[in-house]
Amino acid sequence: MNKKSFKLIGLVSLVASTILLVACHSDTKTEASKPKDVQWGYTGSTGPDHWGDLSKDYELSKNGKEQSPINITGAEDVDLPELNLNNQESEAQVENNGHTIEVSFKNPKNTLTIGKEVYKLQQFHFHAPAENEIDGKTYPLEGHFVYKTDNGKITVVSVLYNYGDKNQALQLIWDKMPQAANTETDLSQAISPDDFYPENKDYYNFEGSLTTPPCTEGVNWIVFKSQETVSKEQVEKFSQTLGFENNRPIQDANGRKIKA
């Protein structure tokens, strides 16, 4: 083999080695730059006061102007559209996700129509104490029913609870409530959102955000004026299962218009 052949082989080897080194470096950089799951919670250094500092994705929680929850007060009396709810019984599962107790339907067919927008119920979950207030009044428990359109618009329907008789609809969930975080189980019978909504569907309406990181704004909030009842024992079991109170503090309304 002549000298030119040796030089050519050497050059090819050098180029191949360089490409391999760059590729390996690139893969390493890509892997290292992948965002890690951000741990957030309701107490201490990962609590609501610090959410905006945990991740750039969470900055709205400290810089946003339409954050939730709020104290619902000074509502303007207007002719709000009637809620067109299509609720059906379905098998469901309940999950303890470490932040709340969440219920999702296996065959979701529940919808909320507002004007021409059709929202599909994604899941519902609970906060104790409640997050929203009405004229400064606090409540022991609140349910959030999260609806979404096919193009990503979100409406949250809120049910507030007063202390009173045991809530039989909630008890179906409480009986199957997983005690360990990040575990789930099936409910023993089919349920419908109608089981949880008050008979009187009058409501407050305002623009807000999700109440957990990333605290996305542009969320349409519907809070029923009428409350359901829950027993003290039920609220205690919920809080003891989570091990902490899972409500975000009241946020500044910043002059938002609240309709009733």
C-alpha atoms as a PDB file:
ATOM      1  CA  MET A   1       0.000   0.000   0.000  1.00  0.00           C
ATOM      2  CA  ASN A   2       1.495   3.412  -0.948  1.00  0.00           C
ATOM      3  CA  LYS A   3       1.872   6.506   1.242  1.00  0.00           C
ATOM      4  CA  LYS A   4      -1.145   8.219  -0.345  1.00  0.00           C
ATOM      5  CA  SER A   5      -3.352   5.293   0.661  1.00  0.00           C
ATOM      6  CA  PHE A   6      -2.100   5.471   4.279  1.00  0.00           C
ATOM      7  CA  LYS A   7      -2.759   9.236   4.368  1.00  0.00           C
ATOM      8  CA  LEU A   8      -6.258   8.765   2.950  1.00  0.00           C
ATOM      9  CA  ILE A   9      -7.109   6.060   5.514  1.00  0.00           C
ATOM     10  CA  GLY A  10      -5.749   8.267   8.300  1.00  0.00           C
ATOM     11  CA  LEU A  11      -7.820  11.239   7.138  1.00  0.00           C
ATOM     12  CA  VAL A  12     -11.007   9.157   6.936  1.00  0.00           C
ATOM     13  CA  SER A  13     -10.377   7.789  10.451  1.00  0.00           C
ATOM     14  CA  LEU A  14      -9.801  11.292  11.825  1.00  0.00           C
ATOM     15  CA  VAL A  15     -13.011  12.623  10.265  1.00  0.00           C
ATOM     16  CA  ALA A  16     -15.019   9.623  11.518  1.00  0.00           C
ATOM     17  CA  SER A  17     -13.618  10.049  15.041  1.00  0.00           C
ATOM     18  CA  THR A  18     -14.468  13.766  15.017  1.00  0.00           C
ATOM     19  CA  ILE A  19     -18.034  13.104  13.871  1.00  0.00           C
ATOM     20  CA  LEU A  20     -18.461  10.460  16.586  1.00  0.00           C
ATOM     21  CA  LEU A  21     -17.093  12.805  19.261  1.00  0.00           C
ATOM     22  CA  VAL A  22     -19.380  15.657  18.183  1.00  0.00           C
ATOM     23  CA  ALA A  23     -22.375  13.308  18.067  1.00  0.00           C
ATOM     24  CA  CYS A  24     -21.652  11.959  21.553  1.00  0.00           C
ATOM     25  CA  HIS A  25     -21.183  15.496  22.895  1.00  0.00           C
ATOM     26  CA  SER A  26     -24.422  16.596  21.242  1.00  0.00           C
ATOM     27  CA  ASP A  27     -26.379  13.672  22.734  1.00  0.00           C
ATOM     28  CA  THR A  28     -24.948  14.410  26.168  1.00  0.00           C
ATOM     29  CA  LYS A  29     -25.866  18.066  25.908  1.00  0.00           C
ATOM     30  CA  THR A  30     -29.387  17.263  24.734  1.00  0.00           C
ATOM     31  CA  GLU A  31     -29.916  14.817  27.595  1.00  0.00           C
ATOM     32  CA  ALA A  32     -28.577  17.301  30.128  1.00  0.00           C
ATOM     33  CA  SER A  33     -30.767  20.097  28.767  1.00  0.00           C
ATOM     34  CA  LYS A  34     -33.995  18.119  29.074  1.00  0.00           C
ATOM     35  CA  PRO A  35     -36.217  19.815  31.682  1.00  0.00           C
ATOM     36  CA  LYS A  36     -36.505  17.933  34.937  1.00  0.00           C
ATOM     37  CA  ASP A  37     -39.793  17.528  36.775  1.00  0.00           C
ATOM     38  CA  VAL A  38     -40.217  20.485  39.123  1.00  0.00           C
ATOM     39  CA  GLN A  39     -41.378  19.511  42.587  1.00  0.00           C
ATOM     40  CA  TRP A  40     -44.024  21.838  44.009  1.00  0.00           C
ATOM     41  CA  GLY A  41     -46.302  21.591  46.994  1.00  0.00           C
ATOM     42  CA  TYR A  42     -48.300  23.533  49.550  1.00  0.00           C
ATOM     43  CA  THR A  43     -45.789  23.960  52.366  1.00  0.00           C
ATOM     44  CA  GLY A  44     -42.273  25.242  52.938  1.00  0.00           C
ATOM     45  CA  SER A  45     -39.855  26.167  50.158  1.00  0.00           C
ATOM     46  CA  THR A  46     -42.037  24.603  47.430  1.00  0.00           C
ATOM     47  CA  GLY A  47     -45.285  26.180  48.659  1.00  0.00           C
ATOM     48  CA  PRO A  48     -47.497  28.728  46.839  1.00  0.00           C
ATOM     49  CA  ASP A  49     -45.341  31.727  47.851  1.00  0.00           C
ATOM     50  CA  HIS A  50     -42.416  30.178  45.973  1.00  0.00           C
ATOM     51  CA  TRP A  51     -44.086  28.625  42.897  1.00  0.00           C
ATOM     52  CA  GLY A  52     -43.007  31.480  40.640  1.00  0.00           C
ATOM     53  CA  ASP A  53     -39.344  30.915  41.547  1.00  0.00           C
ATOM     54  CA  LEU A  54     -39.308  27.140  41.003  1.00  0.00           C
ATOM     55  CA  SER A  55     -39.457  27.279  37.197  1.00  0.00           C
ATOM     56  CA  LYS A  56     -39.728  29.783  34.358  1.00  0.00           C
ATOM     57  CA  ASP A  57     -42.840  27.868  33.346  1.00  0.00           C
ATOM     58  CA  TYR A  58     -44.427  28.904  36.651  1.00  0.00           C
ATOM     59  CA  GLU A  59     -43.701  32.654  36.468  1.00  0.00           C
ATOM     60  CA  LEU A  60     -47.372  33.554  35.939  1.00  0.00           C
ATOM     61  CA  SER A  61     -48.018  32.476  39.509  1.00  0.00           C
ATOM     62  CA  LYS A  62     -46.194  35.619  40.686  1.00  0.00           C
ATOM     63  CA  ASN A  63     -46.464  37.932  37.646  1.00  0.00           C
ATOM     64  CA  GLY A  64     -49.938  37.123  36.316  1.00  0.00           C
ATOM     65  CA  LYS A  65     -52.795  39.631  36.527  1.00  0.00           C
ATOM     66  CA  GLU A  66     -55.717  37.175  36.393  1.00  0.00           C
ATOM     67  CA  GLN A  67     -54.732  34.557  38.948  1.00  0.00           C
ATOM     68  CA  SER A  68     -57.080  32.302  40.905  1.00  0.00           C
ATOM     69  CA  PRO A  69     -58.557  31.807  43.434  1.00  0.00           C
ATOM     70  CA  ILE A  70     -60.212  35.116  44.331  1.00  0.00           C
ATOM     71  CA  ASN A  71     -62.653  36.568  46.814  1.00  0.00           C
ATOM     72  CA  ILE A  72     -65.862  36.835  44.772  1.00  0.00           C
ATOM     73  CA  THR A  73     -67.332  40.207  45.708  1.00  0.00           C
ATOM     74  CA  GLY A  74     -68.985  43.166  44.002  1.00  0.00           C
ATOM     75  CA  ALA A  75     -70.418  40.962  41.271  1.00  0.00           C
ATOM     76  CA  GLU A  76     -72.299  42.699  38.460  1.00  0.00           C
ATOM     77  CA  ASP A  77     -75.824  41.374  37.941  1.00  0.00           C
ATOM     78  CA  VAL A  78     -76.059  40.474  34.253  1.00  0.00           C
ATOM     79  CA  ASP A  79     -77.976  38.012  32.072  1.00  0.00           C
ATOM     80  CA  LEU A  80     -75.519  35.107  31.983  1.00  0.00           C
ATOM     81  CA  PRO A  81     -76.179  32.214  29.589  1.00  0.00           C
ATOM     82  CA  GLU A  82     -77.788  29.086  30.986  1.00  0.00           C
ATOM     83  CA  LEU A  83     -75.368  26.223  31.442  1.00  0.00           C
ATOM     84  CA  ASN A  84     -76.101  23.462  28.955  1.00  0.00           C
ATOM     85  CA  LEU A  85     -74.842  20.376  30.772  1.00  0.00           C
ATOM     86  CA  ASN A  86     -74.942  16.904  29.252  1.00  0.00           C
ATOM     87  CA  ASN A  87     -74.076  14.523  32.069  1.00  0.00           C
ATOM     88  CA  GLN A  88     -74.084  10.731  31.916  1.00  0.00           C
ATOM     89  CA  GLU A  89     -73.236   8.006  34.381  1.00  0.00           C
ATOM     90  CA  SER A  90     -69.873   6.372  33.756  1.00  0.00           C
ATOM     91  CA  GLU A  91     -67.363   4.132  35.443  1.00  0.00           C
ATOM     92  CA  ALA A  92     -64.591   6.161  37.034  1.00  0.00           C
ATOM     93  CA  GLN A  93     -61.351   5.874  38.925  1.00  0.00           C
ATOM     94  CA  VAL A  94     -60.005   7.898  41.829  1.00  0.00           C
ATOM     95  CA  GLU A  95     -56.351   8.850  42.200  1.00  0.00           C
ATOM     96  CA  ASN A  96     -54.247  10.275  45.007  1.00  0.00           C
ATOM     97  CA  ASN A  97     -51.706  12.230  42.939  1.00  0.00           C
ATOM     98  CA  GLY A  98     -49.841  13.673  45.912  1.00  0.00           C
ATOM     99  CA  HIS A  99     -51.501  17.083  45.549  1.00  0.00           C
ATOM    100  CA  THR A 100     -55.203  16.242  45.647  1.00  0.00           C
ATOM    101  CA  ILE A 101     -57.767  13.479  45.204  1.00  0.00           C
ATOM    102  CA  GLU A 102     -58.739  13.388  41.522  1.00  0.00           C
ATOM    103  CA  VAL A 103     -61.540  11.537  39.744  1.00  0.00           C
ATOM    104  CA  SER A 104     -61.519  10.713  36.027  1.00  0.00           C
ATOM    105  CA  PHE A 105     -64.057   8.907  33.879  1.00  0.00           C
ATOM    106  CA  LYS A 106     -63.109   5.825  31.881  1.00  0.00           C
ATOM    107  CA  ASN A 107     -65.535   6.669  29.056  1.00  0.00           C
ATOM    108  CA  PRO A 108     -65.869  10.459  29.270  1.00  0.00           C
ATOM    109  CA  LYS A 109     -69.075  11.686  27.665  1.00  0.00           C
ATOM    110  CA  ASN A 110     -69.891  14.625  29.920  1.00  0.00           C
ATOM    111  CA  THR A 111     -70.022  18.000  28.204  1.00  0.00           C
ATOM    112  CA  LEU A 112     -70.724  21.645  28.978  1.00  0.00           C
ATOM    113  CA  THR A 113     -71.917  23.864  26.126  1.00  0.00           C
ATOM    114  CA  ILE A 114     -71.575  27.642  26.423  1.00  0.00           C
ATOM    115  CA  GLY A 115     -72.735  29.454  23.289  1.00  0.00           C
ATOM    116  CA  LYS A 116     -71.088  27.587  20.424  1.00  0.00           C
ATOM    117  CA  GLU A 117     -68.258  26.200  22.549  1.00  0.00           C
ATOM    118  CA  VAL A 118     -68.469  22.549  23.611  1.00  0.00           C
ATOM    119  CA  TYR A 119     -66.310  21.643  26.622  1.00  0.00           C
ATOM    120  CA  LYS A 120     -65.568  18.057  27.645  1.00  0.00           C
ATOM    121  CA  LEU A 121     -65.107  17.139  31.297  1.00  0.00           C
ATOM    122  CA  GLN A 122     -61.506  15.996  31.831  1.00  0.00           C
ATOM    123  CA  GLN A 123     -61.455  15.312  35.571  1.00  0.00           C
ATOM    124  CA  PHE A 124     -62.533  16.744  38.901  1.00  0.00           C
ATOM    125  CA  HIS A 125     -60.651  17.132  42.164  1.00  0.00           C
ATOM    126  CA  PHE A 126     -60.900  18.762  45.572  1.00  0.00           C
ATOM    127  CA  HIS A 127     -59.285  21.386  47.795  1.00  0.00           C
ATOM    128  CA  ALA A 128     -59.593  21.655  51.580  1.00  0.00           C
ATOM    129  CA  PRO A 129     -60.026  24.329  52.746  1.00  0.00           C
ATOM    130  CA  ALA A 130     -61.813  25.751  49.708  1.00  0.00           C
ATOM    131  CA  GLU A 131     -59.861  28.165  47.519  1.00  0.00           C
ATOM    132  CA  ASN A 132     -62.442  30.699  46.310  1.00  0.00           C
ATOM    133  CA  GLU A 133     -64.319  32.861  48.790  1.00  0.00           C
ATOM    134  CA  ILE A 134     -67.667  34.657  48.472  1.00  0.00           C
ATOM    135  CA  ASP A 135     -67.795  38.097  50.084  1.00  0.00           C
ATOM    136  CA  GLY A 136     -64.958  37.057  52.373  1.00  0.00           C
ATOM    137  CA  LYS A 137     -66.643  33.854  53.533  1.00  0.00           C
ATOM    138  CA  THR A 138     -64.462  30.748  53.570  1.00  0.00           C
ATOM    139  CA  TYR A 139     -65.617  27.188  53.007  1.00  0.00           C
ATOM    140  CA  PRO A 140     -64.218  23.849  54.226  1.00  0.00           C
ATOM    141  CA  LEU A 141     -64.121  22.126  50.816  1.00  0.00           C
ATOM    142  CA  GLU A 142     -64.264  22.940  47.103  1.00  0.00           C
ATOM    143  CA  GLY A 143     -64.615  20.737  44.043  1.00  0.00           C
ATOM    144  CA  HIS A 144     -63.122  21.758  40.691  1.00  0.00           C
ATOM    145  CA  PHE A 145     -64.615  20.196  37.561  1.00  0.00           C
ATOM    146  CA  VAL A 146     -62.185  20.843  34.709  1.00  0.00           C
ATOM    147  CA  TYR A 147     -63.650  21.090  31.200  1.00  0.00           C
ATOM    148  CA  LYS A 148     -61.715  21.642  27.969  1.00  0.00           C
ATOM    149  CA  THR A 149     -62.594  22.225  24.307  1.00  0.00           C
ATOM    150  CA  ASP A 150     -60.855  20.388  21.480  1.00  0.00           C
ATOM    151  CA  ASN A 151     -58.818  23.533  20.798  1.00  0.00           C
ATOM    152  CA  GLY A 152     -57.632  23.870  24.402  1.00  0.00           C
ATOM    153  CA  LYS A 153     -59.992  26.413  26.010  1.00  0.00           C
ATOM    154  CA  ILE A 154     -60.591  25.649  29.692  1.00  0.00           C
ATOM    155  CA  THR A 155     -63.602  26.171  31.931  1.00  0.00           C
ATOM    156  CA  VAL A 156     -63.513  25.204  35.603  1.00  0.00           C
ATOM    157  CA  VAL A 157     -66.838  24.649  37.350  1.00  0.00           C
ATOM    158  CA  SER A 158     -66.570  25.109  41.104  1.00  0.00           C
ATOM    159  CA  VAL A 159     -68.755  23.565  43.803  1.00  0.00           C
ATOM    160  CA  LEU A 160     -68.358  24.943  47.317  1.00  0.00           C
ATOM    161  CA  TYR A 161     -69.321  22.949  50.410  1.00  0.00           C
ATOM    162  CA  ASN A 162     -70.681  24.002  53.790  1.00  0.00           C
ATOM    163  CA  TYR A 163     -70.477  21.849  56.908  1.00  0.00           C
ATOM    164  CA  GLY A 164     -73.637  19.794  57.354  1.00  0.00           C
ATOM    165  CA  ASP A 165     -74.890  16.310  56.626  1.00  0.00           C
ATOM    166  CA  LYS A 166     -72.587  13.661  55.192  1.00  0.00           C
ATOM    167  CA  ASN A 167     -72.396  14.013  51.415  1.00  0.00           C
ATOM    168  CA  GLN A 168     -73.409  10.673  49.909  1.00  0.00           C
ATOM    169  CA  ALA A 169     -71.946  11.400  46.449  1.00  0.00           C
ATOM    170  CA  LEU A 170     -68.590  12.301  47.997  1.00  0.00           C
ATOM    171  CA  GLN A 171     -68.717   9.215  50.191  1.00  0.00           C
ATOM    172  CA  LEU A 172     -68.559   6.972  47.102  1.00  0.00           C
ATOM    173  CA  ILE A 173     -65.179   8.570  46.379  1.00  0.00           C
ATOM    174  CA  TRP A 174     -64.045   8.775  50.005  1.00  0.00           C
ATOM    175  CA  ASP A 175     -64.647   5.036  50.465  1.00  0.00           C
ATOM    176  CA  LYS A 176     -62.151   4.329  47.670  1.00  0.00           C
ATOM    177  CA  MET A 177     -59.766   7.206  48.356  1.00  0.00           C
ATOM    178  CA  PRO A 178     -56.193   5.875  48.008  1.00  0.00           C
ATOM    179  CA  GLN A 179     -54.159   6.522  51.142  1.00  0.00           C
ATOM    180  CA  ALA A 180     -50.773   6.508  49.389  1.00  0.00           C
ATOM    181  CA  ALA A 181     -49.636   9.157  46.907  1.00  0.00           C
ATOM    182  CA  ASN A 182     -49.448   8.236  43.211  1.00  0.00           C
ATOM    183  CA  THR A 183     -51.902   5.365  43.527  1.00  0.00           C
ATOM    184  CA  GLU A 184     -55.370   4.913  42.066  1.00  0.00           C
ATOM    185  CA  THR A 185     -58.339   2.597  42.294  1.00  0.00           C
ATOM    186  CA  ASP A 186     -61.678   2.046  40.572  1.00  0.00           C
ATOM    187  CA  LEU A 187     -64.898   3.343  42.078  1.00  0.00           C
ATOM    188  CA  SER A 188     -67.384   0.674  43.059  1.00  0.00           C
ATOM    189  CA  GLN A 189     -70.214   2.098  40.943  1.00  0.00           C
ATOM    190  CA  ALA A 190     -70.824   4.472  38.034  1.00  0.00           C
ATOM    191  CA  ILE A 191     -71.197   8.173  38.854  1.00  0.00           C
ATOM    192  CA  SER A 192     -72.370  11.345  37.108  1.00  0.00           C
ATOM    193  CA  PRO A 193     -71.443  15.005  37.653  1.00  0.00           C
ATOM    194  CA  ASP A 194     -75.151  15.540  38.390  1.00  0.00           C
ATOM    195  CA  ASP A 195     -74.511  13.718  41.677  1.00  0.00           C
ATOM    196  CA  PHE A 196     -72.220  16.561  42.751  1.00  0.00           C
ATOM    197  CA  TYR A 197     -73.796  19.713  41.283  1.00  0.00           C
ATOM    198  CA  PRO A 198     -76.386  21.775  43.196  1.00  0.00           C
ATOM    199  CA  GLU A 199     -79.943  21.798  41.874  1.00  0.00           C
ATOM    200  CA  ASN A 200     -79.850  25.575  41.523  1.00  0.00           C
ATOM    201  CA  LYS A 201     -77.394  26.305  38.697  1.00  0.00           C
ATOM    202  CA  ASP A 202     -77.135  30.112  39.209  1.00  0.00           C
ATOM    203  CA  TYR A 203     -73.471  31.051  39.113  1.00  0.00           C
ATOM    204  CA  TYR A 204     -70.708  33.626  39.284  1.00  0.00           C
ATOM    205  CA  ASN A 205     -68.460  34.044  36.249  1.00  0.00           C
ATOM    206  CA  PHE A 206     -64.990  35.546  35.850  1.00  0.00           C
ATOM    207  CA  GLU A 207     -61.682  35.104  34.040  1.00  0.00           C
ATOM    208  CA  GLY A 208     -58.916  33.492  36.052  1.00  0.00           C
ATOM    209  CA  SER A 209     -56.222  30.842  36.052  1.00  0.00           C
ATOM    210  CA  LEU A 210     -55.490  27.309  37.108  1.00  0.00           C
ATOM    211  CA  THR A 211     -54.838  27.273  40.856  1.00  0.00           C
ATOM    212  CA  THR A 212     -51.831  24.931  40.583  1.00  0.00           C
ATOM    213  CA  PRO A 213     -48.581  25.322  38.616  1.00  0.00           C
ATOM    214  CA  PRO A 214     -48.135  26.464  35.905  1.00  0.00           C
ATOM    215  CA  CYS A 215     -51.132  28.642  36.918  1.00  0.00           C
ATOM    216  CA  THR A 216     -52.137  29.150  33.286  1.00  0.00           C
ATOM    217  CA  GLU A 217     -54.405  32.171  32.715  1.00  0.00           C
ATOM    218  CA  GLY A 218     -57.317  32.527  30.310  1.00  0.00           C
ATOM    219  CA  VAL A 219     -59.427  30.066  32.308  1.00  0.00           C
ATOM    220  CA  ASN A 220     -63.189  30.662  32.382  1.00  0.00           C
ATOM    221  CA  TRP A 221     -64.444  30.215  35.958  1.00  0.00           C
ATOM    222  CA  ILE A 222     -67.995  29.236  36.884  1.00  0.00           C
ATOM    223  CA  VAL A 223     -68.713  29.149  40.625  1.00  0.00           C
ATOM    224  CA  PHE A 224     -72.153  27.959  41.700  1.00  0.00           C
ATOM    225  CA  LYS A 225     -73.912  30.335  44.080  1.00  0.00           C
ATOM    226  CA  SER A 226     -75.526  27.442  45.948  1.00  0.00           C
ATOM    227  CA  GLN A 227     -73.398  25.169  48.104  1.00  0.00           C
ATOM    228  CA  GLU A 228     -73.573  21.463  48.870  1.00  0.00           C
ATOM    229  CA  THR A 229     -72.977  19.974  52.325  1.00  0.00           C
ATOM    230  CA  VAL A 230     -70.081  17.903  53.656  1.00  0.00           C
ATOM    231  CA  SER A 231     -69.526  16.472  57.125  1.00  0.00           C
ATOM    232  CA  LYS A 232     -66.580  17.455  59.306  1.00  0.00           C
ATOM    233  CA  GLU A 233     -65.514  13.807  59.352  1.00  0.00           C
ATOM    234  CA  GLN A 234     -65.330  13.759  55.536  1.00  0.00           C
ATOM    235  CA  VAL A 235     -63.183  16.894  55.409  1.00  0.00           C
ATOM    236  CA  GLU A 236     -60.916  15.536  58.137  1.00  0.00           C
ATOM    237  CA  LYS A 237     -60.417  12.263  56.264  1.00  0.00           C
ATOM    238  CA  PHE A 238     -59.509  14.139  53.091  1.00  0.00           C
ATOM    239  CA  SER A 239     -56.944  16.353  54.845  1.00  0.00           C
ATOM    240  CA  GLN A 240     -55.488  13.481  56.852  1.00  0.00           C
ATOM    241  CA  THR A 241     -55.081  11.410  53.685  1.00  0.00           C
ATOM    242  CA  LEU A 242     -53.100  14.159  51.954  1.00  0.00           C
ATOM    243  CA  GLY A 243     -51.295  15.179  55.129  1.00  0.00           C
ATOM    244  CA  PHE A 244     -51.612  18.918  54.467  1.00  0.00           C
ATOM    245  CA  GLU A 245     -54.060  21.650  53.448  1.00  0.00           C
ATOM    246  CA  ASN A 246     -54.079  21.930  49.654  1.00  0.00           C
ATOM    247  CA  ASN A 247     -55.545  25.361  48.990  1.00  0.00           C
ATOM    248  CA  ARG A 248     -53.759  28.219  47.241  1.00  0.00           C
ATOM    249  CA  PRO A 249     -54.210  31.584  49.020  1.00  0.00           C
ATOM    250  CA  ILE A 250     -56.563  34.237  47.638  1.00  0.00           C
ATOM    251  CA  GLN A 251     -55.078  36.231  44.731  1.00  0.00           C
ATOM    252  CA  ASP A 252     -55.574  39.912  43.840  1.00  0.00           C
ATOM    253  CA  ALA A 253     -58.571  40.409  41.550  1.00  0.00           C
ATOM    254  CA  ASN A 254     -56.810  43.362  39.900  1.00  0.00           C
ATOM    255  CA  GLY A 255     -60.077  45.000  38.980  1.00  0.00           C
ATOM    256  CA  ARG A 256     -61.482  41.976  37.180  1.00  0.00           C
ATOM    257  CA  LYS A 257     -65.170  42.083  36.305  1.00  0.00           C
ATOM    258  CA  ILE A 258     -67.162  39.431  38.153  1.00  0.00           C
ATOM    259  CA  LYS A 259     -70.580  38.612  36.716  1.00  0.00           C
ATOM    260  CA  ALA A 260     -73.543  37.030  38.465  1.00  0.00           C
END
